[in-house]
Amino acid sequence: MCTLPLSAASGFLAHAHVCTSSVEAELIAQLQQGSEDAFRALVERYQNRIYRTVLALLRSPEDAEDVAQEVFVEVYQTIGRFRGEAALSTWLYRLATSRALKHQQRARAQKRFAYFTSLLGFSNQVLHEPPDHAHPQAQLEGQQQVELLLAHIARLPGQQQVAFTLRYEQELSYEEIAAVLKTTVPAVESLLFRARKTLRNHLLLPPHHA
């Protein structure tokens, strides 16, 4: 037990720091030995702070709860590699912010992917984004599919790419696109038809989607 000597009033802050460091060091040692009691103590001590940190980034209580749980699972799995270069709390906050930012990136990628696949009429059975809990290899393959789709959009012939971008990213009307390209509405319709057909052919989609 950490007690404060009666003659140490002037050194209270320094002594408190030593006490805190001692308690943290003991907690880390027990965690690295696989103590479930120590892990429960860690969760009880930090769960509210980690949750609030993640919530401030994600603005979604449900997502924040999921990510906070992921943080503690990661702590349980990797505490053996913790070497104390930073305070335990600092390490936890780093894990929390890293997990939250990855969650944001994954969510943005999924939204962008869903946007492009929906506007092209793709079948989810042919091309899809894997769920968050998918195997890392499946997530990598999903991200590669997204990058492949965007790469093919970038390689469309000039006016097709412009028409496609103005229609589906900027949501301009056919008339507005025709004005930008100095052409007719039927010509815009033809450009968009060919752009969609080219993308589907490159991505090896079934003929009935053309």
Protein backbone atom coordinates (compact mmCIF):
# COMPACT_ATOMS: atom_id res chain seq x y z
CA MET A 1 0.00 0.00 0.00
CA CYS A 2 1.27 3.47 -0.85
CA THR A 3 1.20 5.87 2.15
CA LEU A 4 2.25 9.50 2.43
CA PRO A 5 4.86 10.24 5.17
CA LEU A 6 3.73 12.89 7.66
CA SER A 7 6.82 15.00 6.93
CA ALA A 8 6.34 14.89 3.17
CA ALA A 9 3.67 17.55 2.65
CA SER A 10 5.98 19.67 0.48
CA GLY A 11 6.74 16.66 -1.72
CA PHE A 12 3.17 15.52 -2.15
CA LEU A 13 3.04 15.79 -5.95
CA ALA A 14 6.31 13.97 -6.48
CA HIS A 15 5.27 11.23 -4.06
CA ALA A 16 1.87 10.90 -5.73
CA HIS A 17 3.62 10.44 -9.08
CA VAL A 18 5.81 7.69 -7.62
CA CYS A 19 2.72 5.99 -6.16
CA THR A 20 0.88 6.17 -9.47
CA SER A 21 3.87 4.83 -11.38
CA SER A 22 4.25 2.01 -8.87
CA VAL A 23 0.59 1.01 -9.14
CA GLU A 24 0.72 1.18 -12.95
CA ALA A 25 3.92 -0.89 -13.08
CA GLU A 26 2.32 -3.56 -10.92
CA LEU A 27 -0.81 -3.54 -13.10
CA ILE A 28 1.27 -3.95 -16.25
CA ALA A 29 3.26 -6.79 -14.70
CA GLN A 30 0.08 -8.63 -13.77
CA LEU A 31 -1.43 -8.04 -17.20
CA GLN A 32 1.66 -9.46 -18.87
CA GLN A 33 1.35 -12.53 -16.68
CA GLY A 34 -2.16 -13.04 -18.03
CA SER A 35 -4.09 -12.03 -14.92
CA GLU A 36 -7.80 -11.76 -15.69
CA ASP A 37 -8.32 -9.76 -12.49
CA ALA A 38 -5.76 -7.24 -13.70
CA PHE A 39 -7.48 -7.00 -17.06
CA ARG A 40 -10.84 -6.35 -15.39
CA ALA A 41 -9.19 -3.68 -13.26
CA LEU A 42 -7.74 -2.09 -16.38
CA VAL A 43 -11.12 -2.02 -18.10
CA GLU A 44 -12.84 -0.56 -15.05
CA ARG A 45 -10.16 2.09 -14.72
CA TYR A 46 -10.01 3.24 -18.34
CA GLN A 47 -13.18 2.19 -20.15
CA ASN A 48 -15.04 5.48 -19.68
CA ARG A 49 -12.08 7.58 -20.78
CA ILE A 50 -11.43 5.43 -23.84
CA TYR A 51 -15.11 5.42 -24.76
CA ARG A 52 -15.35 9.22 -24.49
CA THR A 53 -12.21 9.65 -26.60
CA VAL A 54 -13.54 7.42 -29.37
CA LEU A 55 -17.01 8.97 -29.19
CA ALA A 56 -15.53 12.44 -29.70
CA LEU A 57 -14.01 11.21 -32.97
CA LEU A 58 -16.81 9.02 -34.32
CA ARG A 59 -19.90 10.87 -32.99
CA SER A 60 -21.74 7.57 -32.85
CA PRO A 61 -22.37 5.88 -29.48
CA GLU A 62 -22.82 2.48 -31.11
CA ASP A 63 -19.62 2.74 -33.16
CA ALA A 64 -17.74 4.17 -30.19
CA GLU A 65 -18.76 1.22 -28.02
CA ASP A 66 -17.63 -1.26 -30.66
CA VAL A 67 -14.29 0.47 -31.19
CA ALA A 68 -13.66 0.81 -27.45
CA GLN A 69 -14.17 -2.93 -27.09
CA GLU A 70 -11.72 -3.49 -29.94
CA VAL A 71 -9.17 -1.38 -28.08
CA PHE A 72 -9.32 -3.53 -24.97
CA VAL A 73 -9.20 -6.72 -27.02
CA GLU A 74 -6.04 -5.39 -28.67
CA VAL A 75 -4.59 -4.53 -25.26
CA TYR A 76 -5.27 -8.07 -24.04
CA GLN A 77 -3.62 -9.53 -27.13
CA THR A 78 -0.58 -7.25 -27.29
CA ILE A 79 0.21 -6.28 -23.69
CA GLY A 80 3.12 -8.70 -23.76
CA ARG A 81 4.87 -6.40 -26.25
CA PHE A 82 4.34 -3.28 -24.15
CA ARG A 83 7.76 -2.02 -23.04
CA GLY A 84 6.79 1.09 -21.11
CA GLU A 85 8.27 3.68 -23.50
CA ALA A 86 5.15 5.71 -22.67
CA ALA A 87 2.64 5.65 -19.85
CA LEU A 88 0.00 2.94 -20.02
CA SER A 89 -2.72 5.57 -20.40
CA THR A 90 -0.83 7.19 -23.27
CA TRP A 91 -0.56 3.83 -25.02
CA LEU A 92 -4.30 3.24 -24.55
CA TYR A 93 -5.17 6.64 -26.01
CA ARG A 94 -2.92 5.94 -28.99
CA LEU A 95 -4.67 2.64 -29.60
CA ALA A 96 -8.07 4.30 -29.21
CA THR A 97 -7.38 7.13 -31.65
CA SER A 98 -5.73 4.77 -34.14
CA ARG A 99 -8.70 2.39 -34.05
CA ALA A 100 -11.17 5.26 -34.37
CA LEU A 101 -9.39 6.74 -37.38
CA LYS A 102 -9.21 3.34 -39.08
CA HIS A 103 -12.93 2.94 -38.46
CA GLN A 104 -13.58 6.32 -40.09
CA GLN A 105 -11.46 5.41 -43.11
CA ARG A 106 -13.21 2.06 -43.48
CA ALA A 107 -16.63 3.71 -43.24
CA ARG A 108 -15.72 6.30 -45.88
CA ALA A 109 -14.41 3.60 -48.20
CA GLN A 110 -17.60 1.58 -47.78
CA LYS A 111 -19.80 4.60 -48.51
CA ARG A 112 -17.80 5.52 -51.58
CA PHE A 113 -17.85 1.93 -52.80
CA ALA A 114 -21.60 1.63 -52.22
CA TYR A 115 -22.17 4.90 -54.06
CA PHE A 116 -20.34 3.83 -57.20
CA THR A 117 -21.69 0.28 -57.27
CA SER A 118 -25.28 1.48 -56.77
CA LEU A 119 -25.12 4.09 -59.50
CA LEU A 120 -23.70 1.49 -61.91
CA GLY A 121 -26.26 -1.13 -60.94
CA PHE A 122 -23.67 -3.64 -59.82
CA SER A 123 -24.74 -6.87 -58.13
CA ASN A 124 -23.49 -7.30 -54.58
CA GLN A 125 -22.77 -10.90 -55.42
CA VAL A 126 -20.26 -9.83 -58.03
CA LEU A 127 -18.52 -6.93 -56.40
CA HIS A 128 -18.88 -6.07 -52.75
CA GLU A 129 -17.19 -4.52 -49.75
CA PRO A 130 -16.44 -7.11 -47.02
CA PRO A 131 -17.95 -6.51 -43.57
CA ASP A 132 -15.87 -4.95 -40.81
CA HIS A 133 -15.33 -8.31 -39.11
CA ALA A 134 -14.06 -10.00 -42.28
CA HIS A 135 -10.66 -11.65 -42.40
CA PRO A 136 -7.89 -9.08 -43.11
CA GLN A 137 -7.24 -10.70 -46.49
CA ALA A 138 -10.91 -10.25 -47.43
CA GLN A 139 -10.76 -6.59 -46.38
CA LEU A 140 -7.64 -6.12 -48.51
CA GLU A 141 -9.35 -7.70 -51.51
CA GLY A 142 -12.36 -5.42 -51.00
CA GLN A 143 -10.15 -2.34 -50.91
CA GLN A 144 -8.39 -3.54 -54.06
CA GLN A 145 -11.78 -3.84 -55.77
CA VAL A 146 -12.58 -0.25 -54.84
CA GLU A 147 -9.23 0.95 -56.16
CA LEU A 148 -9.73 -1.05 -59.37
CA LEU A 149 -13.14 0.53 -59.96
CA LEU A 150 -11.82 4.06 -59.38
CA ALA A 151 -8.83 3.37 -61.62
CA HIS A 152 -11.10 2.32 -64.49
CA ILE A 153 -13.20 5.47 -64.04
CA ALA A 154 -9.99 7.52 -64.31
CA ARG A 155 -9.14 5.75 -67.60
CA LEU A 156 -12.42 6.49 -69.35
CA PRO A 157 -12.08 8.54 -72.55
CA GLY A 158 -12.05 12.27 -71.88
CA GLN A 159 -15.66 13.28 -72.47
CA GLN A 160 -17.02 10.05 -71.01
CA GLN A 161 -15.08 10.62 -67.79
CA VAL A 162 -16.20 14.24 -67.59
CA ALA A 163 -19.85 13.36 -68.23
CA PHE A 164 -19.69 10.49 -65.72
CA THR A 165 -18.11 12.69 -63.05
CA LEU A 166 -20.52 15.57 -63.58
CA ARG A 167 -23.53 13.27 -63.51
CA TYR A 168 -22.71 10.90 -60.67
CA GLU A 169 -20.35 12.87 -58.45
CA GLN A 170 -21.59 16.43 -58.98
CA GLU A 171 -25.19 15.35 -59.70
CA LEU A 172 -25.67 17.71 -62.63
CA SER A 173 -28.66 17.26 -64.90
CA TYR A 174 -28.29 16.05 -68.46
CA GLU A 175 -29.04 19.57 -69.65
CA GLU A 176 -26.35 21.07 -67.44
CA ILE A 177 -23.80 18.51 -68.60
CA ALA A 178 -24.70 19.23 -72.21
CA ALA A 179 -24.09 22.94 -71.56
CA VAL A 180 -20.70 22.24 -69.97
CA LEU A 181 -19.61 19.99 -72.83
CA LYS A 182 -21.22 22.20 -75.49
CA THR A 183 -23.17 19.28 -76.87
CA THR A 184 -26.71 17.89 -76.89
CA VAL A 185 -28.65 15.93 -74.29
CA PRO A 186 -28.77 12.82 -76.53
CA ALA A 187 -25.00 13.06 -76.88
CA VAL A 188 -24.66 13.17 -73.07
CA GLU A 189 -26.93 10.15 -72.76
CA SER A 190 -24.72 8.32 -75.24
CA LEU A 191 -21.54 9.27 -73.35
CA LEU A 192 -22.94 8.00 -70.05
CA PHE A 193 -24.24 4.80 -71.62
CA ARG A 194 -20.82 4.04 -73.11
CA ALA A 195 -19.04 4.95 -69.85
CA ARG A 196 -21.19 2.56 -67.83
CA LYS A 197 -20.82 -0.17 -70.43
CA THR A 198 -17.03 0.23 -70.48
CA LEU A 199 -16.80 0.02 -66.70
CA ARG A 200 -18.97 -3.08 -66.54
CA ASN A 201 -17.00 -4.80 -69.28
CA HIS A 202 -13.68 -4.05 -67.57
CA LEU A 203 -14.98 -5.33 -64.26
CA LEU A 204 -16.26 -8.55 -65.86
CA LEU A 205 -19.86 -8.10 -64.85
CA PRO A 206 -22.64 -10.29 -66.31
CA PRO A 207 -24.09 -9.15 -69.68
CA HIS A 208 -27.55 -8.44 -68.20
CA HIS A 209 -26.01 -5.52 -66.24
CA ALA A 210 -24.74 -3.80 -69.41
